[in-house]
Amino acid sequence: MSQDRLVKAVSTEGVSQTKKNLIERKKGEVGGIDHSHITEPHGNLLIKGQEKVIEGQNNNFIIMGRDRPGDGKDGYGGAGHTHASTIRIIAGLHGRDVKETNIKKDNDTVVEERIFLQPSPSKDAATFYMSQKTDIDSGFNISKGGRYGAPEGRSAALIKADCIRLVGRESVKIVTKTDVRNSLKGPIRGRPGIELIAGNDTSDMQPMVKGRNLVEALEQTLDVVNQLSNIVEQLAIAVQAGAVGMVPSPTPLGAIGIGAFPGKVVGAPLALTYSTMAMSFLATFKGNLEIQKLKNKYSVDKLVSRHNMTN
């Protein structure tokens, strides 16, 4: 398996000295086979106020309290707001940076101090965050660009991990505006859309293209190109007439609505006839082209989505 950084399958980095001594007594065995108890780093979660925590044995936690994004951001819970109920699930508090204790020396005495860790959007290995009131984008360092900006004080749910998969055996839908009011009982205006942002970069967000409408526009463009090719053909015939002196009468140009001239014309008169026809067709073509430009300009909403964006 390709990895940007190779890591040990079993690592005791970050465990307390007490656990290290236990491992030494067990001659290096850390356990864990067949889901048995394993000696590994388990962070000391910093619990605030009335938060209720369900704590596992493998650096995993369920935190029930009020909005607290972490990384120094105390959110609406820290500001004393009501209606900021929050549930957070963490698998891997601080990820590979987790550390249980610090070793300090006081003269000849070695003191082991516990380290208390706050939840961290940037370090936690995998997180599910669901809040009644939060600034979800700024709290989790998501770009504020795009059409819809960064909502503030809204209910939100977020999943963050190295890889995210949404799997539907029959279908998957991403849907907006199923209700007319939001969680604050405020009206939802317009038709909010969906933004797909690669690399957390919103500097070049553009509307998504509508497939069938794009095909229709391309077909219309090909029709215009075909008209131009017919005009070029008539000009070629005019040049040939001047050089050779005789060519068959022109083929119909159905797209422009010009029929054929019967019979044959010789020499310079023929060249003049075809060049005159070509100039007439060219004038018609230019008119059609301007009409097509106007149609494209005023029907841009048919080609691209008014609601959904991507980079």
Protein backbone atom coordinates (compact mmCIF):
# COMPACT_ATOMS: atom_id res chain seq x y z
CA MET A 1 0.00 0.00 0.00
CA SER A 2 1.38 3.37 -1.01
CA GLN A 3 1.74 5.87 1.84
CA ASP A 4 3.15 9.37 2.07
CA ARG A 5 4.60 8.47 5.42
CA LEU A 6 5.38 4.95 6.62
CA VAL A 7 4.29 4.39 10.22
CA LYS A 8 4.67 1.45 12.56
CA ALA A 9 1.70 -0.88 12.85
CA VAL A 10 2.40 -1.09 16.60
CA SER A 11 3.76 2.00 18.33
CA THR A 12 4.02 2.96 22.01
CA GLU A 13 5.15 6.50 21.25
CA GLY A 14 3.29 8.88 23.55
CA VAL A 15 2.44 6.40 26.33
CA SER A 16 3.21 7.27 29.93
CA GLN A 17 6.36 6.06 31.66
CA THR A 18 4.19 3.84 33.84
CA LYS A 19 2.93 2.00 30.75
CA LYS A 20 6.44 1.79 29.33
CA ASN A 21 7.62 0.11 32.54
CA LEU A 22 4.73 -2.34 32.25
CA ILE A 23 5.74 -3.20 28.68
CA GLU A 24 9.32 -3.79 29.79
CA ARG A 25 8.13 -6.19 32.48
CA LYS A 26 6.18 -8.03 29.82
CA LYS A 27 9.33 -8.26 27.69
CA GLY A 28 8.04 -5.86 25.05
CA GLU A 29 4.61 -7.38 24.61
CA VAL A 30 1.83 -4.83 24.17
CA GLY A 31 -1.06 -7.26 23.60
CA GLY A 32 -3.96 -6.55 21.26
CA ILE A 33 -4.18 -9.90 19.45
CA ASP A 34 -7.76 -10.95 18.76
CA HIS A 35 -8.98 -7.61 20.19
CA SER A 36 -7.48 -8.29 23.63
CA HIS A 37 -6.33 -5.39 25.81
CA ILE A 38 -3.49 -3.44 24.21
CA THR A 39 -1.03 -0.99 25.70
CA GLU A 40 -1.11 2.14 23.56
CA PRO A 41 -1.27 5.91 24.06
CA HIS A 42 -4.65 7.09 25.33
CA GLY A 43 -5.10 10.85 25.57
CA ASN A 44 -6.34 12.59 28.70
CA LEU A 45 -9.31 14.55 27.40
CA LEU A 46 -9.80 18.02 28.86
CA ILE A 47 -13.42 18.03 29.96
CA LYS A 48 -15.11 21.40 30.37
CA GLY A 49 -18.02 22.38 32.59
CA GLN A 50 -21.01 20.10 32.41
CA GLU A 51 -19.77 18.01 29.47
CA LYS A 52 -20.64 14.34 29.74
CA VAL A 53 -18.10 11.97 28.23
CA ILE A 54 -18.28 8.31 27.30
CA GLU A 55 -14.67 7.17 27.15
CA GLY A 56 -13.37 4.04 25.49
CA GLN A 57 -10.06 2.29 26.11
CA ASN A 58 -8.41 3.07 22.78
CA ASN A 59 -8.18 6.86 22.63
CA ASN A 60 -11.82 7.20 21.60
CA PHE A 61 -14.49 9.44 23.09
CA ILE A 62 -18.10 10.55 22.80
CA ILE A 63 -18.54 14.08 24.17
CA MET A 64 -21.98 15.53 24.92
CA GLY A 65 -22.08 19.20 25.78
CA ARG A 66 -22.27 22.55 23.98
CA ASP A 67 -20.50 23.94 20.93
CA ARG A 68 -16.70 23.66 21.31
CA PRO A 69 -14.88 23.25 17.96
CA GLY A 70 -11.43 22.95 19.60
CA ASP A 71 -7.91 24.11 18.72
CA GLY A 72 -8.40 27.03 21.09
CA LYS A 73 -11.89 27.87 19.78
CA ASP A 74 -14.45 27.64 22.57
CA GLY A 75 -17.42 28.30 20.31
CA TYR A 76 -20.90 29.30 21.43
CA GLY A 77 -20.68 26.95 24.40
CA GLY A 78 -17.73 28.88 25.79
CA ALA A 79 -19.57 32.16 25.17
CA GLY A 80 -22.50 31.00 27.32
CA HIS A 81 -25.07 30.68 24.56
CA THR A 82 -28.16 28.54 24.96
CA HIS A 83 -29.38 26.25 22.16
CA ALA A 84 -25.84 25.12 21.31
CA SER A 85 -26.29 21.43 22.11
CA THR A 86 -23.43 19.41 20.64
CA ILE A 87 -22.34 15.79 20.25
CA ARG A 88 -18.79 14.96 19.19
CA ILE A 89 -17.35 11.54 18.46
CA ILE A 90 -13.56 11.18 18.25
CA ALA A 91 -11.58 8.17 17.12
CA GLY A 92 -7.92 8.96 17.78
CA LEU A 93 -7.67 12.08 19.97
CA HIS A 94 -4.75 14.11 18.50
CA GLY A 95 -3.98 11.18 16.18
CA ARG A 96 -0.30 10.22 16.08
CA ASP A 97 0.57 13.33 18.11
CA VAL A 98 -1.24 12.04 21.19
CA LYS A 99 0.82 12.15 24.36
CA GLU A 100 -0.22 11.10 27.84
CA THR A 101 2.41 12.70 30.04
CA ASN A 102 5.41 15.00 30.24
CA ILE A 103 8.54 14.08 32.16
CA LYS A 104 9.96 16.82 34.34
CA LYS A 105 13.03 16.74 36.55
CA ASP A 106 12.97 18.58 39.88
CA ASN A 107 16.55 18.38 41.15
CA ASP A 108 17.10 14.62 41.41
CA THR A 109 13.42 13.79 41.31
CA VAL A 110 11.68 12.73 38.10
CA VAL A 111 8.08 13.88 37.96
CA GLU A 112 5.58 12.56 35.44
CA GLU A 113 2.78 15.06 34.74
CA ARG A 114 -0.40 14.19 32.89
CA ILE A 115 -1.16 16.21 29.76
CA PHE A 116 -4.77 17.19 29.17
CA LEU A 117 -5.76 17.54 25.52
CA GLN A 118 -8.55 19.56 23.91
CA PRO A 119 -10.37 18.18 20.90
CA SER A 120 -8.55 19.29 17.75
CA PRO A 121 -10.09 19.61 14.27
CA SER A 122 -6.58 19.57 12.79
CA LYS A 123 -5.07 16.69 14.81
CA ASP A 124 -7.88 14.30 15.73
CA ALA A 125 -7.69 11.28 13.43
CA ALA A 126 -11.43 11.00 12.74
CA THR A 127 -14.29 13.19 13.98
CA PHE A 128 -18.06 13.38 13.78
CA TYR A 129 -19.31 16.77 14.97
CA MET A 130 -22.99 17.62 15.27
CA SER A 131 -24.09 20.91 16.81
CA GLN A 132 -27.31 22.87 17.23
CA LYS A 133 -25.43 26.17 16.91
CA THR A 134 -21.92 26.56 15.55
CA ASP A 135 -19.73 28.35 13.00
CA ILE A 136 -18.92 25.13 11.21
CA ASP A 137 -16.62 26.47 8.48
CA SER A 138 -14.45 28.73 10.63
CA GLY A 139 -14.47 26.17 13.44
CA PHE A 140 -13.02 23.49 11.17
CA ASN A 141 -10.85 25.73 8.97
CA ILE A 142 -12.96 25.37 5.83
CA SER A 143 -12.59 28.04 3.15
CA LYS A 144 -15.13 30.85 3.41
CA GLY A 145 -15.21 31.50 -0.33
CA GLY A 146 -17.70 30.31 -2.89
CA ARG A 147 -21.26 31.46 -3.43
CA TYR A 148 -22.59 30.63 0.01
CA GLY A 149 -19.77 31.88 2.24
CA ALA A 150 -19.39 30.64 5.82
CA PRO A 151 -22.63 30.32 7.80
CA GLU A 152 -22.59 31.54 11.39
CA GLY A 153 -24.68 30.35 14.31
CA ARG A 154 -26.35 27.53 12.38
CA SER A 155 -26.94 23.88 13.15
CA ALA A 156 -24.43 21.71 11.34
CA ALA A 157 -23.08 18.19 11.05
CA LEU A 158 -19.54 17.40 9.93
CA ILE A 159 -17.54 14.26 9.29
CA LYS A 160 -13.77 14.58 9.02
CA ALA A 161 -11.15 11.89 8.46
CA ASP A 162 -8.38 10.99 6.04
CA CYS A 163 -10.95 9.38 3.76
CA ILE A 164 -14.73 9.72 3.63
CA ARG A 165 -17.03 7.30 1.84
CA LEU A 166 -20.80 7.63 1.36
CA VAL A 167 -22.22 4.34 0.14
CA GLY A 168 -25.77 3.69 -1.05
CA ARG A 169 -26.74 0.24 -2.27
CA GLU A 170 -29.35 1.77 -4.55
CA SER A 171 -28.72 5.52 -4.66
CA VAL A 172 -27.12 8.53 -2.99
CA LYS A 173 -28.75 11.96 -2.88
CA ILE A 174 -27.32 15.30 -1.77
CA VAL A 175 -30.32 17.54 -1.23
CA THR A 176 -30.88 21.14 -0.11
CA LYS A 177 -33.99 23.01 1.07
CA THR A 178 -36.26 20.21 2.19
CA ASP A 179 -37.86 22.71 4.60
CA VAL A 180 -38.97 26.32 4.30
CA ARG A 181 -37.35 27.36 7.61
CA ASN A 182 -33.98 26.67 9.22
CA SER A 183 -33.27 25.53 12.81
CA LEU A 184 -33.54 29.14 14.03
CA LYS A 185 -37.07 29.32 12.57
CA GLY A 186 -35.79 31.75 9.95
CA PRO A 187 -36.93 31.56 6.31
CA ILE A 188 -34.66 29.85 3.79
CA ARG A 189 -34.47 32.24 0.86
CA GLY A 190 -33.88 31.25 -2.73
CA ARG A 191 -32.66 27.80 -3.64
CA PRO A 192 -29.36 27.11 -1.82
CA GLY A 193 -27.04 24.87 -3.77
CA ILE A 194 -24.08 22.55 -3.42
CA GLU A 195 -20.37 23.40 -3.58
CA LEU A 196 -17.64 20.90 -4.43
CA ILE A 197 -14.29 22.34 -3.33
CA ALA A 198 -11.01 20.55 -4.02
CA GLY A 199 -7.98 21.51 -1.93
CA ASN A 200 -10.01 23.89 0.30
CA ASP A 201 -9.44 26.54 -2.40
CA THR A 202 -12.38 28.69 -3.53
CA SER A 203 -10.40 31.15 -5.65
CA ASP A 204 -11.79 29.76 -8.92
CA MET A 205 -15.29 28.56 -8.13
CA GLN A 206 -17.47 28.20 -11.22
CA PRO A 207 -21.03 27.05 -11.91
CA MET A 208 -21.43 23.39 -12.80
CA VAL A 209 -22.44 22.58 -16.38
CA LYS A 210 -25.79 21.02 -17.26
CA GLY A 211 -25.03 18.05 -19.50
CA ARG A 212 -28.01 17.85 -21.90
CA ASN A 213 -28.14 21.61 -22.37
CA LEU A 214 -24.41 21.67 -23.12
CA VAL A 215 -24.87 18.97 -25.79
CA GLU A 216 -27.66 21.03 -27.38
CA ALA A 217 -25.45 24.14 -27.42
CA LEU A 218 -22.56 22.21 -28.98
CA GLU A 219 -24.86 20.84 -31.67
CA GLN A 220 -26.02 24.39 -32.50
CA THR A 221 -22.37 25.47 -32.68
CA LEU A 222 -21.61 22.60 -35.07
CA ASP A 223 -24.49 23.78 -37.29
CA VAL A 224 -22.88 27.22 -37.47
CA VAL A 225 -19.49 25.68 -38.26
CA ASN A 226 -21.11 23.62 -41.01
CA GLN A 227 -22.55 26.81 -42.56
CA LEU A 228 -19.08 28.32 -42.55
CA SER A 229 -17.62 25.24 -44.26
CA ASN A 230 -20.22 25.57 -47.05
CA ILE A 231 -19.22 29.21 -47.58
CA VAL A 232 -15.56 28.21 -47.80
CA GLU A 233 -16.54 25.57 -50.35
CA GLN A 234 -18.20 28.21 -52.57
CA LEU A 235 -15.13 30.42 -52.37
CA ALA A 236 -12.98 27.46 -53.37
CA ILE A 237 -15.24 26.85 -56.38
CA ALA A 238 -14.90 30.52 -57.36
CA VAL A 239 -11.10 30.29 -57.25
CA GLN A 240 -11.19 27.07 -59.26
CA ALA A 241 -13.47 28.67 -61.84
CA GLY A 242 -11.06 31.52 -62.37
CA ALA A 243 -8.18 29.07 -62.84
CA VAL A 244 -9.80 26.26 -64.85
CA GLY A 245 -12.73 27.95 -66.52
CA MET A 246 -15.58 25.53 -65.86
CA VAL A 247 -17.03 23.74 -62.81
CA PRO A 248 -20.40 22.19 -61.92
CA SER A 249 -23.14 24.36 -60.48
CA PRO A 250 -23.10 24.79 -56.70
CA THR A 251 -24.63 22.34 -54.27
CA PRO A 252 -27.59 23.45 -52.13
CA LEU A 253 -26.85 25.16 -48.85
CA GLY A 254 -29.89 24.00 -46.94
CA ALA A 255 -28.66 25.29 -43.60
CA ILE A 256 -28.64 28.85 -44.98
CA GLY A 257 -31.62 28.35 -47.26
CA ILE A 258 -29.91 28.98 -50.65
CA GLY A 259 -30.65 26.62 -53.57
CA ALA A 260 -28.47 25.62 -56.53
CA PHE A 261 -28.12 27.42 -59.85
CA PRO A 262 -28.77 25.05 -62.80
CA GLY A 263 -26.40 24.63 -65.73
CA LYS A 264 -22.75 25.64 -66.11
CA VAL A 265 -21.05 28.99 -66.40
CA VAL A 266 -17.59 29.49 -67.88
CA GLY A 267 -14.49 31.51 -66.84
CA ALA A 268 -14.56 34.90 -65.16
CA PRO A 269 -18.39 35.15 -65.08
CA LEU A 270 -18.44 31.85 -63.19
CA ALA A 271 -15.87 33.08 -60.66
CA LEU A 272 -17.85 36.27 -60.19
CA THR A 273 -21.08 34.29 -59.74
CA TYR A 274 -19.61 32.03 -57.05
CA SER A 275 -17.77 34.78 -55.22
CA THR A 276 -20.96 36.88 -55.18
CA MET A 277 -22.88 33.91 -53.82
CA ALA A 278 -20.21 33.28 -51.19
CA MET A 279 -20.27 36.92 -50.03
CA SER A 280 -24.05 36.75 -49.75
CA PHE A 281 -23.83 33.52 -47.78
CA LEU A 282 -21.12 35.08 -45.58
CA ALA A 283 -23.36 38.02 -44.74
CA THR A 284 -26.14 35.60 -43.80
CA PHE A 285 -23.67 33.54 -41.75
CA LYS A 286 -22.49 36.59 -39.80
CA GLY A 287 -26.10 37.44 -38.99
CA ASN A 288 -26.76 33.91 -37.80
CA LEU A 289 -23.57 34.00 -35.72
CA GLU A 290 -24.63 37.18 -33.95
CA ILE A 291 -28.03 35.67 -33.24
CA GLN A 292 -26.31 32.58 -31.80
CA LYS A 293 -24.10 34.78 -29.60
CA LEU A 294 -27.16 36.55 -28.22
CA LYS A 295 -28.90 33.24 -27.58
CA ASN A 296 -25.88 31.94 -25.67
CA LYS A 297 -25.57 35.18 -23.70
CA TYR A 298 -29.17 35.27 -22.54
CA SER A 299 -29.57 31.53 -22.02
CA VAL A 300 -26.45 31.01 -19.90
CA ASP A 301 -28.65 29.62 -17.11
CA LYS A 302 -29.58 26.81 -19.48
CA LEU A 303 -25.93 25.81 -19.80
CA VAL A 304 -24.70 26.22 -16.21
CA SER A 305 -26.31 25.75 -12.84
CA ARG A 306 -27.47 28.82 -10.96
CA HIS A 307 -27.06 26.97 -7.66
CA ASN A 308 -24.22 24.45 -7.73
CA MET A 309 -20.53 25.39 -7.87
CA THR A 310 -17.17 23.64 -8.14
CA ASN A 311 -13.50 24.42 -8.70
